[in-house]
Amino acid sequence: MEKQGESCSMSYSGIGGQAVMEGVMMRNKEKYAVAVRDPKGQIRIKSGEYKGILPFPYIYKIPFIRGIFSFIDSMVLGMKTLNYSADVYAEEEGKGIENSKKGSFSSALVMVVAILMAVGLFMVLPFYMSLLFKGLIGEGRLLSLVEGGLRILIFIGYVLAVSQLEDIKRVFMYHGAEHKCINCIESGNPLNIENVRASSKEHRRCGTSFMLYVMVVSIVLFSFIKAPDPLTRAALRVALVPVVAGIAYELIRLAGRSNNALVRAMSAPGLWMQALTTKEPDDKMIEVGIQSVEAVFDWKKYQEEEFK
């Protein structure tokens, strides 16, 4: 069967998700479901609601501000569902109850450490590395371009390094299953293994594309930072991370809702980058993705309304 690409006639469904250990999490507005295949081969599904960290829904309607909190929400829910997938395997060793008791604290700690490491690795490190070129090209916008190029190279190198781990390879395959399921229903095709298998494993609203937007936005924004010493400039970069995330969110939101030529061109680098973070899933992985979708989303009703 011919593979269905990222179709020009795609319709926005509003669902999204992420890969977890041996599974897929899907989210539709406040509903989410994570489907995991346990060591015995059974698919286990946990459903619930996640309304976000803020009790004020109107915040999520304010452009640029909403992106900051949506990004935090995705990390919180992602860590929660990743914890669940890990617990499925821990239960097989009699550690599930102990893990669940410690889960909230450990998840919060891991998330904080992960954010600090990401800021240090992708924001601070490229800045100090770029200073090595200061004597050759000065301190102008050209140095900012060098810094941005280093930031992108570090990101690509990081992804290539972790992709060599066996567990991460399987997570990337489930990542492909997640994208394929969403592309299948947004292309108007019935959600079954055959149609999902034939769908594209790249999607415009992917977190990988979001990270690339972050890199590009930071190049532009940081080029305007003027400060007398490197330490202050580095601190300002860290302080502006929420602003960068807010702008990047609006760009990826636009990419998911529009299909004009400019948006397609803007989305292309992110889709290319997804070649590193998504892999072709097997049929069992696709089955997990399908069950995760169906636990939170009435795709038949959606297609009836969107593809008359």
Protein backbone atom coordinates (compact mmCIF):
# COMPACT_ATOMS: atom_id res chain seq x y z
CA MET A 1 0.00 0.00 0.00
CA GLU A 2 1.23 3.48 -0.81
CA LYS A 3 2.15 5.51 2.25
CA GLN A 4 -0.12 8.41 3.05
CA GLY A 5 2.05 11.49 3.61
CA GLU A 6 1.33 14.50 5.77
CA SER A 7 -1.71 15.27 3.68
CA CYS A 8 -2.44 18.74 2.35
CA SER A 9 -6.14 18.04 3.04
CA MET A 10 -5.64 17.24 6.71
CA SER A 11 -8.19 18.53 9.19
CA TYR A 12 -7.26 19.62 12.70
CA SER A 13 -8.59 17.16 15.31
CA GLY A 14 -7.23 18.80 18.47
CA ILE A 15 -5.81 15.59 19.92
CA GLY A 16 -2.16 15.13 20.76
CA GLY A 17 0.00 12.87 22.83
CA GLN A 18 3.37 11.38 23.50
CA ALA A 19 5.15 8.06 23.66
CA VAL A 20 5.80 6.39 27.02
CA MET A 21 7.50 3.14 28.01
CA GLU A 22 5.88 0.44 25.84
CA GLY A 23 2.89 2.66 25.23
CA VAL A 24 1.20 5.81 24.01
CA MET A 25 -0.57 8.63 25.84
CA MET A 26 -3.25 10.60 24.02
CA ARG A 27 -4.93 13.79 25.21
CA ASN A 28 -8.15 15.39 24.00
CA LYS A 29 -8.77 18.69 25.80
CA GLU A 30 -9.05 17.76 29.50
CA LYS A 31 -9.27 14.01 28.89
CA TYR A 32 -6.23 11.78 28.61
CA ALA A 33 -5.56 8.09 28.32
CA VAL A 34 -2.36 6.10 28.42
CA ALA A 35 -2.26 2.62 26.90
CA VAL A 36 0.64 0.34 27.83
CA ARG A 37 1.43 -3.22 26.77
CA ASP A 38 2.53 -5.05 29.89
CA PRO A 39 5.18 -7.81 30.03
CA LYS A 40 2.42 -10.44 29.62
CA GLY A 41 1.38 -8.88 26.32
CA GLN A 42 -1.89 -7.37 27.57
CA ILE A 43 -2.81 -3.75 26.83
CA ARG A 44 -3.61 -1.82 29.99
CA ILE A 45 -5.36 1.54 29.77
CA LYS A 46 -5.58 4.29 32.34
CA SER A 47 -7.91 7.23 31.66
CA GLY A 48 -8.41 10.45 33.54
CA GLU A 49 -8.74 14.23 33.40
CA TYR A 50 -6.01 16.83 33.59
CA LYS A 51 -7.18 20.44 33.72
CA GLY A 52 -3.75 22.04 33.96
CA ILE A 53 -1.73 23.63 36.72
CA LEU A 54 -3.73 26.88 36.66
CA PRO A 55 -7.27 27.22 38.05
CA PHE A 56 -7.94 30.08 35.60
CA PRO A 57 -9.00 28.70 32.17
CA TYR A 58 -8.95 32.14 30.55
CA ILE A 59 -5.13 32.21 30.84
CA TYR A 60 -5.00 29.47 28.20
CA LYS A 61 -6.70 31.80 25.72
CA ILE A 62 -4.14 34.61 25.94
CA PRO A 63 -1.64 34.41 23.03
CA PHE A 64 2.02 33.95 24.02
CA ILE A 65 1.10 33.59 27.72
CA ARG A 66 -0.84 30.36 27.13
CA GLY A 67 2.17 28.72 25.54
CA ILE A 68 4.23 28.97 28.72
CA PHE A 69 1.65 27.15 30.83
CA SER A 70 0.68 24.70 28.09
CA PHE A 71 4.34 23.68 27.88
CA ILE A 72 4.51 23.15 31.65
CA ASP A 73 1.23 21.21 31.56
CA SER A 74 2.54 18.90 28.85
CA MET A 75 5.62 18.18 30.96
CA VAL A 76 3.59 17.52 34.12
CA LEU A 77 1.11 15.21 32.38
CA GLY A 78 3.90 13.58 30.39
CA MET A 79 5.83 12.78 33.54
CA LYS A 80 2.67 11.47 35.23
CA THR A 81 1.85 9.08 32.39
CA LEU A 82 5.49 8.06 31.99
CA ASN A 83 5.44 7.16 35.68
CA TYR A 84 2.36 5.01 35.12
CA SER A 85 4.00 3.11 32.26
CA ALA A 86 7.06 2.47 34.45
CA ASP A 87 4.81 1.27 37.29
CA VAL A 88 3.18 -1.28 35.00
CA TYR A 89 6.55 -3.00 34.79
CA ALA A 90 7.42 -2.38 38.43
CA GLU A 91 4.27 -4.23 39.49
CA GLU A 92 5.61 -7.36 37.86
CA GLU A 93 8.43 -7.24 40.40
CA GLY A 94 6.18 -6.35 43.34
CA LYS A 95 7.35 -2.73 43.46
CA GLY A 96 4.28 -1.00 42.07
CA ILE A 97 2.78 0.09 45.40
CA GLU A 98 6.09 1.41 46.68
CA ASN A 99 6.70 3.29 43.44
CA SER A 100 3.24 4.87 43.43
CA LYS A 101 3.75 6.22 46.95
CA LYS A 102 6.97 7.89 45.95
CA GLY A 103 5.77 8.83 42.47
CA SER A 104 4.57 12.40 43.04
CA PHE A 105 7.71 13.61 44.78
CA SER A 106 10.13 11.77 42.50
CA SER A 107 8.29 12.95 39.36
CA ALA A 108 8.44 16.57 40.51
CA LEU A 109 12.12 16.25 41.33
CA VAL A 110 12.95 14.58 38.02
CA MET A 111 11.02 17.24 36.11
CA VAL A 112 12.84 20.10 37.86
CA VAL A 113 16.23 18.46 37.25
CA ALA A 114 15.31 17.80 33.60
CA ILE A 115 14.33 21.45 33.06
CA LEU A 116 17.55 22.69 34.65
CA MET A 117 19.64 20.30 32.56
CA ALA A 118 17.82 21.30 29.36
CA VAL A 119 18.31 25.01 30.05
CA GLY A 120 21.98 24.44 30.83
CA LEU A 121 22.63 22.18 27.85
CA PHE A 122 20.63 23.99 25.17
CA MET A 123 20.73 27.61 26.33
CA VAL A 124 23.74 28.32 28.52
CA LEU A 125 26.33 25.94 27.05
CA PRO A 126 25.96 27.15 23.41
CA PHE A 127 26.33 30.75 24.60
CA TYR A 128 29.67 30.11 26.33
CA MET A 129 30.86 27.95 23.44
CA SER A 130 30.10 30.78 21.01
CA LEU A 131 32.42 33.09 22.98
CA LEU A 132 35.31 31.02 21.63
CA PHE A 133 34.61 32.65 18.25
CA LYS A 134 34.40 36.17 19.66
CA GLY A 135 37.96 37.06 18.67
CA LEU A 136 37.26 36.10 15.06
CA ILE A 137 33.84 37.63 14.42
CA GLY A 138 33.23 40.13 17.22
CA GLU A 139 30.10 40.43 19.36
CA GLY A 140 27.47 41.31 16.76
CA ARG A 141 24.58 39.39 15.27
CA LEU A 142 26.98 37.02 13.55
CA LEU A 143 28.05 35.70 16.95
CA SER A 144 24.36 35.14 17.78
CA LEU A 145 24.02 33.07 14.60
CA VAL A 146 27.02 30.99 15.64
CA GLU A 147 25.45 30.49 19.07
CA GLY A 148 22.17 29.40 17.45
CA GLY A 149 23.97 27.01 15.12
CA LEU A 150 25.80 25.46 18.07
CA ARG A 151 22.50 25.14 19.93
CA ILE A 152 20.93 23.21 17.04
CA LEU A 153 24.03 20.99 16.65
CA ILE A 154 24.00 20.16 20.37
CA PHE A 155 20.32 19.27 20.15
CA ILE A 156 20.87 17.00 17.15
CA GLY A 157 23.89 15.41 18.83
CA TYR A 158 21.87 14.79 21.99
CA VAL A 159 19.04 13.12 20.07
CA LEU A 160 21.49 10.97 18.10
CA ALA A 161 23.23 9.89 21.30
CA VAL A 162 20.09 8.88 23.22
CA SER A 163 18.64 7.17 20.14
CA GLN A 164 21.36 4.53 20.46
CA LEU A 165 19.81 3.27 23.71
CA GLU A 166 17.60 0.23 23.15
CA ASP A 167 14.76 1.49 25.35
CA ILE A 168 14.77 4.87 23.60
CA LYS A 169 14.60 3.18 20.19
CA ARG A 170 11.35 1.51 21.29
CA VAL A 171 10.02 4.81 22.66
CA PHE A 172 10.74 6.40 19.26
CA MET A 173 8.78 3.56 17.61
CA TYR A 174 5.80 4.27 19.87
CA HIS A 175 6.30 7.96 19.01
CA GLY A 176 5.87 6.95 15.38
CA ALA A 177 2.70 5.02 16.28
CA GLU A 178 1.29 8.08 18.04
CA HIS A 179 1.84 10.29 14.98
CA LYS A 180 0.54 7.68 12.57
CA CYS A 181 -2.73 7.30 14.50
CA ILE A 182 -3.33 11.06 14.52
CA ASN A 183 -2.38 11.43 10.84
CA CYS A 184 -4.71 8.55 9.96
CA ILE A 185 -7.83 10.11 11.48
CA GLU A 186 -6.92 13.65 10.39
CA SER A 187 -6.62 12.37 6.81
CA GLY A 188 -10.19 11.02 6.98
CA ASN A 189 -9.26 7.34 7.03
CA PRO A 190 -10.86 4.76 9.36
CA LEU A 191 -8.65 4.07 12.36
CA ASN A 192 -7.39 0.54 11.85
CA ILE A 193 -3.98 -1.12 11.76
CA GLU A 194 -3.75 -1.17 7.96
CA ASN A 195 -4.57 2.53 7.53
CA VAL A 196 -2.37 3.60 10.45
CA ARG A 197 0.55 1.58 9.09
CA ALA A 198 0.21 3.43 5.76
CA SER A 199 0.13 6.88 7.39
CA SER A 200 3.05 9.24 7.90
CA LYS A 201 5.10 9.07 11.08
CA GLU A 202 5.77 12.83 10.96
CA HIS A 203 3.34 15.42 12.29
CA ARG A 204 3.50 19.21 12.42
CA ARG A 205 2.43 19.53 16.06
CA CYS A 206 5.20 17.26 17.34
CA GLY A 207 7.33 18.25 20.33
CA THR A 208 10.43 17.82 18.17
CA SER A 209 9.17 20.58 15.87
CA PHE A 210 8.40 22.68 18.93
CA MET A 211 12.00 22.32 20.11
CA LEU A 212 13.27 23.42 16.70
CA TYR A 213 11.02 26.48 16.84
CA VAL A 214 12.50 27.21 20.28
CA MET A 215 15.99 27.11 18.76
CA VAL A 216 15.09 29.45 15.89
CA VAL A 217 13.15 31.91 18.06
CA SER A 218 16.04 32.04 20.52
CA ILE A 219 18.46 32.97 17.72
CA VAL A 220 16.33 35.99 16.81
CA LEU A 221 15.45 37.05 20.35
CA PHE A 222 18.91 36.60 21.89
CA SER A 223 20.52 38.61 19.10
CA PHE A 224 18.97 41.74 20.67
CA ILE A 225 20.41 41.11 24.14
CA LYS A 226 23.02 43.68 25.06
CA ALA A 227 24.84 43.41 28.40
CA PRO A 228 28.33 44.39 29.56
CA ASP A 229 29.48 40.95 30.73
CA PRO A 230 28.93 37.29 29.70
CA LEU A 231 27.39 36.26 33.03
CA THR A 232 24.60 38.84 32.69
CA ARG A 233 23.96 37.85 29.07
CA ALA A 234 23.76 34.18 30.10
CA ALA A 235 21.34 35.04 32.94
CA LEU A 236 19.14 37.02 30.55
CA ARG A 237 18.97 34.03 28.22
CA VAL A 238 17.70 31.85 31.05
CA ALA A 239 15.19 34.53 32.10
CA LEU A 240 13.83 34.74 28.54
CA VAL A 241 13.21 30.98 28.19
CA PRO A 242 9.47 31.38 29.03
CA VAL A 243 9.17 34.12 26.40
CA VAL A 244 10.85 31.89 23.81
CA ALA A 245 8.53 29.00 24.72
CA GLY A 246 5.47 31.26 24.43
CA ILE A 247 6.42 32.39 20.92
CA ALA A 248 7.35 28.86 19.80
CA TYR A 249 3.98 27.59 21.03
CA GLU A 250 2.13 30.10 18.84
CA LEU A 251 4.17 29.01 15.82
CA ILE A 252 3.46 25.32 16.32
CA ARG A 253 -0.19 26.10 17.00
CA LEU A 254 -0.34 27.93 13.68
CA ALA A 255 1.38 25.02 11.95
CA GLY A 256 -1.29 22.64 13.23
CA ARG A 257 -4.21 24.78 12.03
CA SER A 258 -3.06 26.24 8.72
CA ASN A 259 -1.92 24.70 5.48
CA ASN A 260 -0.78 27.60 3.32
CA ALA A 261 2.55 27.49 1.50
CA LEU A 262 4.38 29.64 4.06
CA VAL A 263 3.29 27.42 6.95
CA ARG A 264 4.27 24.28 5.03
CA ALA A 265 7.73 25.74 4.38
CA MET A 266 8.03 26.80 8.03
CA SER A 267 7.07 23.28 9.16
CA ALA A 268 9.44 21.41 6.84
CA PRO A 269 12.62 21.54 9.02
CA GLY A 270 10.69 20.19 12.02
CA LEU A 271 9.32 17.32 9.93
CA TRP A 272 12.84 16.51 8.74
CA MET A 273 14.08 16.54 12.33
CA GLN A 274 11.41 14.01 13.26
CA ALA A 275 13.30 11.46 11.19
CA LEU A 276 15.55 11.25 14.27
CA THR A 277 12.83 11.02 16.94
CA THR A 278 10.24 8.79 15.26
CA LYS A 279 10.69 5.25 13.96
CA GLU A 280 8.36 2.88 12.14
CA PRO A 281 6.28 0.95 14.70
CA ASP A 282 5.20 -2.67 14.45
CA ASP A 283 1.53 -3.66 14.35
CA LYS A 284 1.39 -4.37 18.10
CA MET A 285 2.59 -0.82 18.81
CA ILE A 286 0.00 0.54 16.40
CA GLU A 287 -2.69 -1.43 18.24
CA VAL A 288 -1.64 0.26 21.50
CA GLY A 289 -1.84 3.68 19.84
CA ILE A 290 -5.31 2.96 18.43
CA GLN A 291 -6.66 1.94 21.84
CA SER A 292 -5.21 5.07 23.41
CA VAL A 293 -6.96 7.26 20.80
CA GLU A 294 -10.29 5.48 21.17
CA ALA A 295 -10.19 5.90 24.96
CA VAL A 296 -10.38 9.71 24.64
CA PHE A 297 -11.63 10.57 21.15
CA ASP A 298 -14.70 9.72 19.08
CA TRP A 299 -12.90 9.63 15.76
CA LYS A 300 -15.94 8.34 13.83
CA LYS A 301 -18.04 11.35 14.86
CA TYR A 302 -15.13 13.67 14.09
CA GLN A 303 -14.74 12.24 10.59
CA GLU A 304 -18.46 12.39 9.92
CA GLU A 305 -18.42 16.11 10.72
CA GLU A 306 -15.12 17.01 9.00
CA PHE A 307 -15.19 14.71 5.94
CA LYS A 308 -18.80 14.75 4.80
